[in-house]
Amino acid sequence: MAFTIPTTEPESLIAGISWQWQKDLQDFKPDDGWVLTYSFVQASATPAEIEIITTNVSNVHNVDVQEAVTVLYTPALYHYQGIVSDGTDTHLAITGQLTVVQDFSDGSVTDPRSWSCQALDALESSMAGTADATQLAYTIDGIQVSEMSPSQKLSWLEGLRRICAAEQQENNIDNGRANNKVGRYKFTPLS
């Protein structure tokens, strides 16, 4: 099956994999001299910046970034702007955000789960007596799991379970999977 190049900016990209997409801007065509440049800024206290200059392919702005370049990008949430310029005029054409995620196949991935789900797993494993050294060393509110009393562990469990369930539900919806929530409705007769 042939790869179809997307015609819009993706919501997420993988660092270490080639990135490709096309953007057709009716008012800013490459054949008319317009060049689209994407500027990405990481949403963090120490922002990383990425700049991508598109090329003209059949009068459409084309993004093609090789894996040797994307592997250098820090996985994080980025905000971006697409600026078009013809050498005389410059305009903001696009804004948005996307997430750069780590390539799981490179062998260097740590646990991709959220802090809440990792902490929940550490607590549950500790209480079941099956926790490994990493889980026992996990720190919650400044206390290592191995040093927590049973009452401290219990006080964290329910909240972390709710947070992890909500994250899983959001992930399911984002990925087009079924919503596990049951709707409850009360019907009253019309008067």
N, C-alpha and C. Protein backbone atom coordinates (compact mmCIF):
# COMPACT_ATOMS: atom_id res chain seq x y z
N MET A 1 0.84 -1.18 0.00
CA MET A 1 0.00 0.00 0.00
C MET A 1 0.88 1.24 0.00
N ALA A 2 0.62 2.17 -0.86
CA ALA A 2 1.42 3.39 -0.99
C ALA A 2 1.08 4.36 0.13
N PHE A 3 2.09 5.09 0.55
CA PHE A 3 1.92 6.12 1.57
C PHE A 3 1.27 7.34 0.95
N THR A 4 0.21 7.81 1.55
CA THR A 4 -0.46 9.03 1.09
C THR A 4 0.03 10.18 1.94
N ILE A 5 0.59 11.19 1.30
CA ILE A 5 1.11 12.35 2.04
C ILE A 5 -0.08 13.17 2.54
N PRO A 6 -0.14 13.42 3.86
CA PRO A 6 -1.24 14.22 4.41
C PRO A 6 -1.27 15.62 3.82
N THR A 7 -2.46 16.20 3.79
CA THR A 7 -2.62 17.54 3.22
C THR A 7 -2.89 18.59 4.30
N THR A 8 -2.58 18.26 5.52
CA THR A 8 -2.70 19.21 6.62
C THR A 8 -1.67 18.84 7.68
N GLU A 9 -1.44 19.74 8.61
CA GLU A 9 -0.48 19.49 9.67
C GLU A 9 -1.01 18.37 10.57
N PRO A 10 -0.16 17.41 10.92
CA PRO A 10 -0.60 16.35 11.82
C PRO A 10 -0.72 16.85 13.26
N GLU A 11 -1.47 16.12 14.07
CA GLU A 11 -1.60 16.47 15.49
C GLU A 11 -0.42 15.95 16.28
N SER A 12 0.22 14.87 15.79
CA SER A 12 1.41 14.35 16.45
C SER A 12 2.36 13.78 15.41
N LEU A 13 3.64 13.83 15.76
CA LEU A 13 4.70 13.32 14.90
C LEU A 13 5.69 12.55 15.76
N ILE A 14 6.43 11.66 15.15
CA ILE A 14 7.39 10.84 15.88
C ILE A 14 8.80 11.32 15.58
N ALA A 15 9.55 11.62 16.63
CA ALA A 15 10.96 12.00 16.48
C ALA A 15 11.72 10.76 16.02
N GLY A 16 12.54 10.91 14.98
CA GLY A 16 13.30 9.78 14.47
C GLY A 16 12.65 9.11 13.28
N ILE A 17 11.51 9.63 12.82
CA ILE A 17 10.80 9.14 11.65
C ILE A 17 10.69 10.32 10.68
N SER A 18 10.76 10.06 9.39
CA SER A 18 10.61 11.15 8.41
C SER A 18 9.23 11.79 8.54
N TRP A 19 9.19 13.11 8.40
CA TRP A 19 7.94 13.86 8.45
C TRP A 19 7.62 14.37 7.06
N GLN A 20 6.38 14.18 6.65
CA GLN A 20 5.93 14.69 5.36
C GLN A 20 4.49 15.14 5.46
N TRP A 21 4.22 16.28 4.91
CA TRP A 21 2.85 16.73 4.68
C TRP A 21 2.90 17.86 3.66
N GLN A 22 1.74 18.18 3.11
CA GLN A 22 1.62 19.26 2.14
C GLN A 22 0.57 20.24 2.63
N LYS A 23 0.75 21.49 2.25
CA LYS A 23 -0.20 22.53 2.63
C LYS A 23 -0.51 23.37 1.41
N ASP A 24 -1.77 23.38 1.02
CA ASP A 24 -2.21 24.15 -0.13
C ASP A 24 -2.87 25.43 0.39
N LEU A 25 -2.19 26.55 0.24
CA LEU A 25 -2.71 27.84 0.67
C LEU A 25 -3.14 28.61 -0.58
N GLN A 26 -4.43 28.70 -0.80
CA GLN A 26 -4.97 29.29 -2.02
C GLN A 26 -4.48 30.71 -2.27
N ASP A 27 -4.33 31.49 -1.21
CA ASP A 27 -3.92 32.89 -1.37
C ASP A 27 -2.41 33.08 -1.42
N PHE A 28 -1.65 32.01 -1.15
CA PHE A 28 -0.19 32.11 -1.06
C PHE A 28 0.46 30.94 -1.79
N LYS A 29 0.34 30.90 -3.10
CA LYS A 29 0.83 29.78 -3.91
C LYS A 29 2.35 29.89 -4.12
N PRO A 30 3.05 28.78 -4.05
CA PRO A 30 4.50 28.80 -4.30
C PRO A 30 4.87 29.32 -5.68
N ASP A 31 4.07 29.01 -6.70
CA ASP A 31 4.38 29.50 -8.05
C ASP A 31 4.30 31.02 -8.14
N ASP A 32 3.61 31.65 -7.18
CA ASP A 32 3.52 33.12 -7.14
C ASP A 32 4.64 33.72 -6.28
N GLY A 33 5.59 32.87 -5.86
CA GLY A 33 6.74 33.36 -5.09
C GLY A 33 6.62 33.24 -3.59
N TRP A 34 5.54 32.66 -3.08
CA TRP A 34 5.35 32.55 -1.64
C TRP A 34 6.10 31.32 -1.09
N VAL A 35 6.81 31.52 0.02
CA VAL A 35 7.50 30.44 0.73
C VAL A 35 6.88 30.34 2.11
N LEU A 36 6.50 29.14 2.50
CA LEU A 36 5.92 28.89 3.83
C LEU A 36 7.01 28.35 4.74
N THR A 37 7.17 29.00 5.89
CA THR A 37 8.14 28.56 6.90
C THR A 37 7.39 28.30 8.19
N TYR A 38 7.55 27.09 8.73
CA TYR A 38 6.96 26.73 10.02
C TYR A 38 7.97 27.01 11.12
N SER A 39 7.52 27.66 12.18
CA SER A 39 8.33 27.86 13.38
C SER A 39 7.62 27.18 14.54
N PHE A 40 8.30 26.23 15.17
CA PHE A 40 7.76 25.47 16.29
C PHE A 40 8.49 25.89 17.56
N VAL A 41 7.75 26.11 18.63
CA VAL A 41 8.34 26.43 19.93
C VAL A 41 7.77 25.46 20.95
N GLN A 42 8.65 24.83 21.69
CA GLN A 42 8.25 23.87 22.71
C GLN A 42 7.53 24.58 23.83
N ALA A 43 6.46 23.99 24.31
CA ALA A 43 5.68 24.56 25.40
C ALA A 43 6.29 24.12 26.73
N SER A 44 7.39 24.78 27.13
CA SER A 44 8.05 24.44 28.39
C SER A 44 8.84 25.63 28.88
N ALA A 45 9.42 25.48 30.07
CA ALA A 45 10.20 26.55 30.66
C ALA A 45 11.50 26.79 29.89
N THR A 46 12.03 25.75 29.25
CA THR A 46 13.25 25.87 28.45
C THR A 46 12.91 25.44 27.03
N PRO A 47 12.30 26.34 26.26
CA PRO A 47 11.78 25.94 24.96
C PRO A 47 12.86 25.58 23.94
N ALA A 48 12.57 24.53 23.20
CA ALA A 48 13.37 24.18 22.04
C ALA A 48 12.65 24.75 20.83
N GLU A 49 13.40 25.09 19.80
CA GLU A 49 12.80 25.66 18.61
C GLU A 49 13.12 24.80 17.40
N ILE A 50 12.15 24.71 16.49
CA ILE A 50 12.31 23.97 15.24
C ILE A 50 11.84 24.89 14.12
N GLU A 51 12.58 24.91 13.03
CA GLU A 51 12.16 25.67 11.87
C GLU A 51 12.17 24.76 10.66
N ILE A 52 11.07 24.79 9.90
CA ILE A 52 10.95 23.98 8.69
C ILE A 52 10.55 24.89 7.54
N ILE A 53 11.36 24.90 6.50
CA ILE A 53 11.07 25.68 5.30
C ILE A 53 10.53 24.72 4.24
N THR A 54 9.35 25.02 3.73
CA THR A 54 8.71 24.13 2.76
C THR A 54 9.34 24.31 1.37
N THR A 55 9.09 23.33 0.51
CA THR A 55 9.52 23.40 -0.89
C THR A 55 8.27 23.40 -1.77
N ASN A 56 8.43 23.78 -3.02
CA ASN A 56 7.33 23.84 -3.97
C ASN A 56 7.25 22.51 -4.71
N VAL A 57 6.13 21.82 -4.53
CA VAL A 57 5.86 20.59 -5.28
C VAL A 57 4.47 20.76 -5.90
N SER A 58 4.43 20.91 -7.19
CA SER A 58 3.17 21.08 -7.94
C SER A 58 2.34 22.24 -7.41
N ASN A 59 3.01 23.36 -7.10
CA ASN A 59 2.36 24.58 -6.63
C ASN A 59 1.68 24.40 -5.26
N VAL A 60 2.22 23.48 -4.46
CA VAL A 60 1.75 23.24 -3.09
C VAL A 60 2.98 23.28 -2.18
N HIS A 61 2.82 23.82 -0.98
CA HIS A 61 3.91 23.87 0.00
C HIS A 61 4.14 22.45 0.53
N ASN A 62 5.35 21.95 0.42
CA ASN A 62 5.67 20.57 0.77
C ASN A 62 6.66 20.54 1.93
N VAL A 63 6.31 19.77 2.97
CA VAL A 63 7.21 19.54 4.11
C VAL A 63 7.79 18.15 3.96
N ASP A 64 9.12 18.08 4.05
CA ASP A 64 9.81 16.79 3.98
C ASP A 64 11.05 16.89 4.86
N VAL A 65 10.97 16.36 6.07
CA VAL A 65 12.07 16.41 7.03
C VAL A 65 12.55 14.98 7.26
N GLN A 66 13.80 14.74 7.03
CA GLN A 66 14.36 13.40 7.12
C GLN A 66 14.53 12.94 8.57
N GLU A 67 14.52 11.62 8.78
CA GLU A 67 14.62 11.06 10.13
C GLU A 67 15.91 11.44 10.83
N ALA A 68 16.99 11.64 10.10
CA ALA A 68 18.26 12.05 10.71
C ALA A 68 18.14 13.42 11.38
N VAL A 69 17.19 14.23 10.93
CA VAL A 69 16.94 15.54 11.54
C VAL A 69 15.92 15.41 12.66
N THR A 70 14.82 14.70 12.44
CA THR A 70 13.76 14.64 13.45
C THR A 70 14.19 13.89 14.70
N VAL A 71 15.18 13.01 14.59
CA VAL A 71 15.67 12.29 15.76
C VAL A 71 16.27 13.25 16.79
N LEU A 72 16.66 14.43 16.35
CA LEU A 72 17.25 15.44 17.24
C LEU A 72 16.19 16.25 17.99
N TYR A 73 14.91 16.13 17.60
CA TYR A 73 13.86 16.92 18.22
C TYR A 73 13.42 16.31 19.55
N THR A 74 13.19 17.18 20.52
CA THR A 74 12.78 16.75 21.85
C THR A 74 11.29 16.42 21.87
N PRO A 75 10.92 15.21 22.31
CA PRO A 75 9.49 14.90 22.43
C PRO A 75 8.82 15.86 23.42
N ALA A 76 7.78 16.52 22.98
CA ALA A 76 7.07 17.50 23.81
C ALA A 76 5.91 18.08 22.99
N LEU A 77 5.14 18.91 23.64
CA LEU A 77 4.09 19.68 22.97
C LEU A 77 4.74 20.93 22.37
N TYR A 78 4.43 21.21 21.11
CA TYR A 78 4.95 22.39 20.43
C TYR A 78 3.80 23.22 19.89
N HIS A 79 3.96 24.54 19.95
CA HIS A 79 3.05 25.47 19.30
C HIS A 79 3.75 25.92 18.02
N TYR A 80 2.98 26.09 16.96
CA TYR A 80 3.63 26.50 15.71
C TYR A 80 2.89 27.63 15.02
N GLN A 81 3.66 28.33 14.19
CA GLN A 81 3.14 29.35 13.30
C GLN A 81 3.67 29.06 11.91
N GLY A 82 2.84 29.23 10.92
CA GLY A 82 3.25 29.12 9.53
C GLY A 82 3.26 30.52 8.93
N ILE A 83 4.45 31.00 8.60
CA ILE A 83 4.62 32.34 8.07
C ILE A 83 4.90 32.23 6.57
N VAL A 84 4.17 32.98 5.76
CA VAL A 84 4.43 33.01 4.32
C VAL A 84 5.08 34.34 3.96
N SER A 85 6.03 34.26 3.03
CA SER A 85 6.71 35.46 2.58
C SER A 85 7.02 35.34 1.10
N ASP A 86 6.90 36.47 0.39
CA ASP A 86 7.28 36.48 -1.03
C ASP A 86 8.51 37.36 -1.25
N GLY A 87 9.22 37.68 -0.17
CA GLY A 87 10.39 38.54 -0.26
C GLY A 87 10.06 39.99 0.00
N THR A 88 8.79 40.36 -0.18
CA THR A 88 8.35 41.73 0.06
C THR A 88 7.35 41.77 1.21
N ASP A 89 6.34 40.90 1.12
CA ASP A 89 5.29 40.84 2.13
C ASP A 89 5.44 39.57 2.95
N THR A 90 5.04 39.67 4.23
CA THR A 90 5.07 38.53 5.13
C THR A 90 3.73 38.48 5.86
N HIS A 91 3.16 37.26 5.96
CA HIS A 91 1.86 37.09 6.61
C HIS A 91 1.86 35.83 7.47
N LEU A 92 1.09 35.89 8.55
CA LEU A 92 0.84 34.71 9.37
C LEU A 92 -0.28 33.95 8.69
N ALA A 93 -0.01 32.72 8.25
CA ALA A 93 -1.00 31.94 7.51
C ALA A 93 -1.63 30.84 8.34
N ILE A 94 -0.88 30.30 9.31
CA ILE A 94 -1.32 29.11 10.04
C ILE A 94 -0.82 29.21 11.48
N THR A 95 -1.64 28.74 12.42
CA THR A 95 -1.18 28.54 13.80
C THR A 95 -1.75 27.21 14.28
N GLY A 96 -1.11 26.64 15.25
CA GLY A 96 -1.62 25.40 15.81
C GLY A 96 -0.66 24.82 16.82
N GLN A 97 -0.91 23.58 17.17
CA GLN A 97 -0.01 22.87 18.07
C GLN A 97 0.03 21.42 17.67
N LEU A 98 1.16 20.79 17.97
CA LEU A 98 1.30 19.36 17.73
C LEU A 98 2.23 18.79 18.78
N THR A 99 2.16 17.48 18.93
CA THR A 99 2.98 16.80 19.90
C THR A 99 4.01 15.96 19.16
N VAL A 100 5.26 16.11 19.56
CA VAL A 100 6.33 15.25 19.05
C VAL A 100 6.52 14.15 20.09
N VAL A 101 6.39 12.90 19.65
CA VAL A 101 6.55 11.76 20.56
C VAL A 101 7.81 10.98 20.19
N GLN A 102 8.29 10.21 21.14
CA GLN A 102 9.51 9.44 20.94
C GLN A 102 9.22 8.20 20.12
N ASP A 103 10.19 7.79 19.33
CA ASP A 103 10.11 6.56 18.55
C ASP A 103 10.32 5.38 19.49
N PHE A 104 9.29 4.56 19.68
CA PHE A 104 9.37 3.44 20.61
C PHE A 104 10.32 2.35 20.13
N SER A 105 10.61 2.32 18.84
CA SER A 105 11.45 1.24 18.30
C SER A 105 12.94 1.46 18.51
N ASP A 106 13.33 2.63 19.02
CA ASP A 106 14.77 2.90 19.15
C ASP A 106 15.39 2.30 20.40
N GLY A 107 14.61 1.70 21.27
CA GLY A 107 15.13 1.01 22.45
C GLY A 107 15.46 1.92 23.62
N SER A 108 15.31 3.23 23.48
CA SER A 108 15.68 4.14 24.56
C SER A 108 14.46 4.70 25.29
N VAL A 109 13.30 4.17 25.01
CA VAL A 109 12.07 4.70 25.59
C VAL A 109 11.95 4.30 27.05
N THR A 110 11.68 5.27 27.86
CA THR A 110 11.31 4.98 29.24
C THR A 110 9.80 4.79 29.26
N ASP A 111 9.24 4.63 30.39
CA ASP A 111 7.80 4.38 30.51
C ASP A 111 7.01 5.54 29.90
N PRO A 112 6.20 5.29 28.86
CA PRO A 112 5.47 6.38 28.21
C PRO A 112 4.21 6.81 28.94
N ARG A 113 3.86 6.11 30.01
CA ARG A 113 2.64 6.47 30.75
C ARG A 113 2.82 7.76 31.53
N SER A 114 1.71 8.36 31.90
CA SER A 114 1.75 9.60 32.69
C SER A 114 2.29 9.30 34.08
N TRP A 115 2.69 10.38 34.76
CA TRP A 115 3.18 10.23 36.14
C TRP A 115 2.12 9.54 37.00
N SER A 116 0.87 9.94 36.84
CA SER A 116 -0.22 9.39 37.67
C SER A 116 -0.34 7.87 37.51
N CYS A 117 -0.28 7.39 36.27
CA CYS A 117 -0.43 5.96 36.03
C CYS A 117 0.80 5.19 36.50
N GLN A 118 1.98 5.78 36.38
CA GLN A 118 3.18 5.13 36.89
C GLN A 118 3.13 5.05 38.42
N ALA A 119 2.69 6.14 39.06
CA ALA A 119 2.59 6.15 40.52
C ALA A 119 1.55 5.15 41.00
N LEU A 120 0.42 5.06 40.30
CA LEU A 120 -0.61 4.09 40.66
C LEU A 120 -0.07 2.67 40.58
N ASP A 121 0.63 2.36 39.50
CA ASP A 121 1.22 1.03 39.33
C ASP A 121 2.21 0.73 40.45
N ALA A 122 3.03 1.71 40.81
CA ALA A 122 4.00 1.52 41.89
C ALA A 122 3.30 1.24 43.22
N LEU A 123 2.24 1.99 43.50
CA LEU A 123 1.50 1.79 44.75
C LEU A 123 0.82 0.42 44.78
N GLU A 124 0.13 0.08 43.69
CA GLU A 124 -0.59 -1.21 43.66
C GLU A 124 0.38 -2.38 43.76
N SER A 125 1.51 -2.29 43.06
CA SER A 125 2.50 -3.37 43.12
C SER A 125 3.10 -3.48 44.52
N SER A 126 3.35 -2.34 45.14
CA SER A 126 3.90 -2.34 46.50
C SER A 126 2.93 -2.99 47.48
N MET A 127 1.66 -2.65 47.35
CA MET A 127 0.66 -3.21 48.26
C MET A 127 0.46 -4.71 48.03
N ALA A 128 0.68 -5.16 46.78
CA ALA A 128 0.54 -6.59 46.47
C ALA A 128 1.82 -7.36 46.78
N GLY A 129 2.89 -6.63 47.10
CA GLY A 129 4.16 -7.28 47.40
C GLY A 129 4.93 -7.72 46.16
N THR A 130 4.61 -7.14 45.01
CA THR A 130 5.27 -7.54 43.76
C THR A 130 6.07 -6.40 43.14
N ALA A 131 6.28 -5.31 43.87
CA ALA A 131 6.98 -4.16 43.31
C ALA A 131 8.45 -4.45 43.10
N ASP A 132 8.98 -3.94 41.98
CA ASP A 132 10.41 -4.05 41.73
C ASP A 132 11.12 -2.84 42.36
N ALA A 133 12.45 -2.80 42.25
CA ALA A 133 13.23 -1.74 42.89
C ALA A 133 12.85 -0.36 42.35
N THR A 134 12.57 -0.27 41.05
CA THR A 134 12.19 1.02 40.45
C THR A 134 10.87 1.51 41.03
N GLN A 135 9.90 0.60 41.17
CA GLN A 135 8.61 0.99 41.72
C GLN A 135 8.73 1.38 43.18
N LEU A 136 9.53 0.66 43.94
CA LEU A 136 9.69 0.99 45.36
C LEU A 136 10.41 2.32 45.54
N ALA A 137 11.23 2.72 44.59
CA ALA A 137 11.96 3.98 44.67
C ALA A 137 11.13 5.16 44.17
N TYR A 138 9.96 4.88 43.59
CA TYR A 138 9.11 5.94 43.05
C TYR A 138 8.73 6.90 44.17
N THR A 139 8.76 8.19 43.89
CA THR A 139 8.49 9.20 44.91
C THR A 139 7.14 9.87 44.65
N ILE A 140 6.31 9.91 45.68
CA ILE A 140 5.01 10.56 45.62
C ILE A 140 4.95 11.54 46.78
N ASP A 141 4.73 12.79 46.46
CA ASP A 141 4.66 13.85 47.48
C ASP A 141 5.89 13.85 48.37
N GLY A 142 7.05 13.59 47.78
CA GLY A 142 8.31 13.64 48.51
C GLY A 142 8.63 12.40 49.32
N ILE A 143 7.82 11.35 49.22
CA ILE A 143 8.05 10.13 50.00
C ILE A 143 8.19 8.96 49.04
N GLN A 144 9.24 8.15 49.20
CA GLN A 144 9.39 6.96 48.37
C GLN A 144 8.30 5.95 48.72
N VAL A 145 7.84 5.23 47.72
CA VAL A 145 6.78 4.23 47.92
C VAL A 145 7.19 3.23 49.00
N SER A 146 8.46 2.84 49.00
CA SER A 146 8.94 1.86 49.98
C SER A 146 8.85 2.38 51.40
N GLU A 147 8.81 3.70 51.58
CA GLU A 147 8.76 4.31 52.92
C GLU A 147 7.34 4.70 53.35
N MET A 148 6.37 4.54 52.47
CA MET A 148 4.99 4.94 52.79
C MET A 148 4.32 3.92 53.69
N SER A 149 3.49 4.44 54.58
CA SER A 149 2.67 3.55 55.40
C SER A 149 1.49 3.07 54.56
N PRO A 150 0.86 1.97 54.96
CA PRO A 150 -0.31 1.50 54.22
C PRO A 150 -1.41 2.57 54.11
N SER A 151 -1.60 3.37 55.16
CA SER A 151 -2.64 4.40 55.10
C SER A 151 -2.26 5.50 54.10
N GLN A 152 -0.98 5.83 54.00
CA GLN A 152 -0.56 6.81 53.01
C GLN A 152 -0.80 6.29 51.60
N LYS A 153 -0.50 5.01 51.39
CA LYS A 153 -0.72 4.40 50.07
C LYS A 153 -2.20 4.42 49.71
N LEU A 154 -3.03 4.04 50.65
CA LEU A 154 -4.48 4.02 50.41
C LEU A 154 -5.03 5.40 50.10
N SER A 155 -4.49 6.42 50.78
CA SER A 155 -5.00 7.77 50.55
C SER A 155 -4.70 8.25 49.12
N TRP A 156 -3.66 7.74 48.49
CA TRP A 156 -3.32 8.13 47.12
C TRP A 156 -4.03 7.27 46.07
N LEU A 157 -4.36 6.03 46.41
CA LEU A 157 -4.86 5.09 45.41
C LEU A 157 -6.09 5.56 44.66
N GLU A 158 -7.13 5.96 45.37
CA GLU A 158 -8.40 6.28 44.70
C GLU A 158 -8.26 7.47 43.74
N GLY A 159 -7.57 8.51 44.19
CA GLY A 159 -7.38 9.67 43.32
C GLY A 159 -6.58 9.32 42.07
N LEU A 160 -5.53 8.54 42.23
CA LEU A 160 -4.72 8.14 41.08
C LEU A 160 -5.51 7.23 40.14
N ARG A 161 -6.34 6.38 40.69
CA ARG A 161 -7.19 5.52 39.84
C ARG A 161 -8.13 6.36 38.99
N ARG A 162 -8.74 7.37 39.59
CA ARG A 162 -9.65 8.25 38.83
C ARG A 162 -8.91 8.99 37.72
N ILE A 163 -7.73 9.51 38.05
CA ILE A 163 -6.95 10.25 37.06
C ILE A 163 -6.55 9.34 35.91
N CYS A 164 -6.05 8.14 36.21
CA CYS A 164 -5.62 7.20 35.16
C CYS A 164 -6.81 6.77 34.29
N ALA A 165 -7.95 6.53 34.91
CA ALA A 165 -9.14 6.14 34.14
C ALA A 165 -9.56 7.27 33.20
N ALA A 166 -9.50 8.52 33.69
CA ALA A 166 -9.86 9.66 32.84
C ALA A 166 -8.88 9.81 31.69
N GLU A 167 -7.58 9.61 31.97
CA GLU A 167 -6.58 9.69 30.90
C GLU A 167 -6.80 8.60 29.86
N GLN A 168 -7.11 7.39 30.31
CA GLN A 168 -7.36 6.29 29.38
C GLN A 168 -8.60 6.57 28.54
N GLN A 169 -9.63 7.10 29.16
CA GLN A 169 -10.86 7.45 28.45
C GLN A 169 -10.58 8.50 27.37
N GLU A 170 -9.80 9.53 27.73
CA GLU A 170 -9.45 10.58 26.77
C GLU A 170 -8.62 10.00 25.62
N ASN A 171 -7.70 9.11 25.95
CA ASN A 171 -6.88 8.46 24.93
C ASN A 171 -7.76 7.62 24.00
N ASN A 172 -8.72 6.90 24.54
CA ASN A 172 -9.63 6.10 23.72
C ASN A 172 -10.42 6.98 22.76
N ILE A 173 -10.94 8.08 23.26
CA ILE A 173 -11.72 9.00 22.41
C ILE A 173 -10.82 9.59 21.33
N ASP A 174 -9.61 10.02 21.72
CA ASP A 174 -8.67 10.60 20.75
C ASP A 174 -8.32 9.62 19.64
N ASN A 175 -8.31 8.33 19.96
CA ASN A 175 -7.93 7.31 18.98
C ASN A 175 -9.14 6.62 18.34
N GLY A 176 -10.34 7.19 18.54
CA GLY A 176 -11.52 6.69 17.86
C GLY A 176 -12.08 5.39 18.43
N ARG A 177 -11.67 5.05 19.65
CA ARG A 177 -12.21 3.84 20.28
C ARG A 177 -13.46 4.18 21.06
N ALA A 178 -14.20 3.16 21.37
CA ALA A 178 -15.49 3.33 22.04
C ALA A 178 -15.33 4.00 23.40
N ASN A 179 -16.32 4.77 23.72
CA ASN A 179 -16.40 5.41 25.02
C ASN A 179 -17.05 4.40 25.97
N ASN A 180 -16.41 4.10 27.09
CA ASN A 180 -16.92 3.08 28.01
C ASN A 180 -17.95 3.62 29.00
N LYS A 181 -18.27 4.90 28.90
CA LYS A 181 -19.22 5.47 29.83
C LYS A 181 -20.63 5.03 29.47
N VAL A 182 -21.43 4.79 30.50
CA VAL A 182 -22.82 4.43 30.32
C VAL A 182 -23.66 5.67 30.61
N GLY A 183 -24.50 6.02 29.67
CA GLY A 183 -25.36 7.17 29.88
C GLY A 183 -26.60 6.76 30.66
N ARG A 184 -26.97 7.59 31.60
CA ARG A 184 -28.19 7.35 32.38
C ARG A 184 -29.11 8.53 32.14
N TYR A 185 -30.32 8.23 31.74
CA TYR A 185 -31.26 9.27 31.39
C TYR A 185 -32.56 9.05 32.13
N LYS A 186 -33.20 10.13 32.47
CA LYS A 186 -34.51 10.07 33.11
C LYS A 186 -35.50 10.75 32.16
N PHE A 187 -36.51 10.00 31.78
CA PHE A 187 -37.51 10.51 30.88
C PHE A 187 -38.75 10.88 31.68
N THR A 188 -39.28 12.04 31.40
CA THR A 188 -40.51 12.45 32.06
C THR A 188 -41.57 12.70 31.00
N PRO A 189 -42.79 12.37 31.28
CA PRO A 189 -43.85 12.59 30.27
C PRO A 189 -44.07 14.08 30.03
N LEU A 190 -44.38 14.38 28.78
CA LEU A 190 -44.72 15.74 28.44
C LEU A 190 -46.12 16.06 28.95
N SER A 191 -46.33 17.25 29.43
CA SER A 191 -47.65 17.59 29.95
C SER A 191 -48.52 18.23 28.91
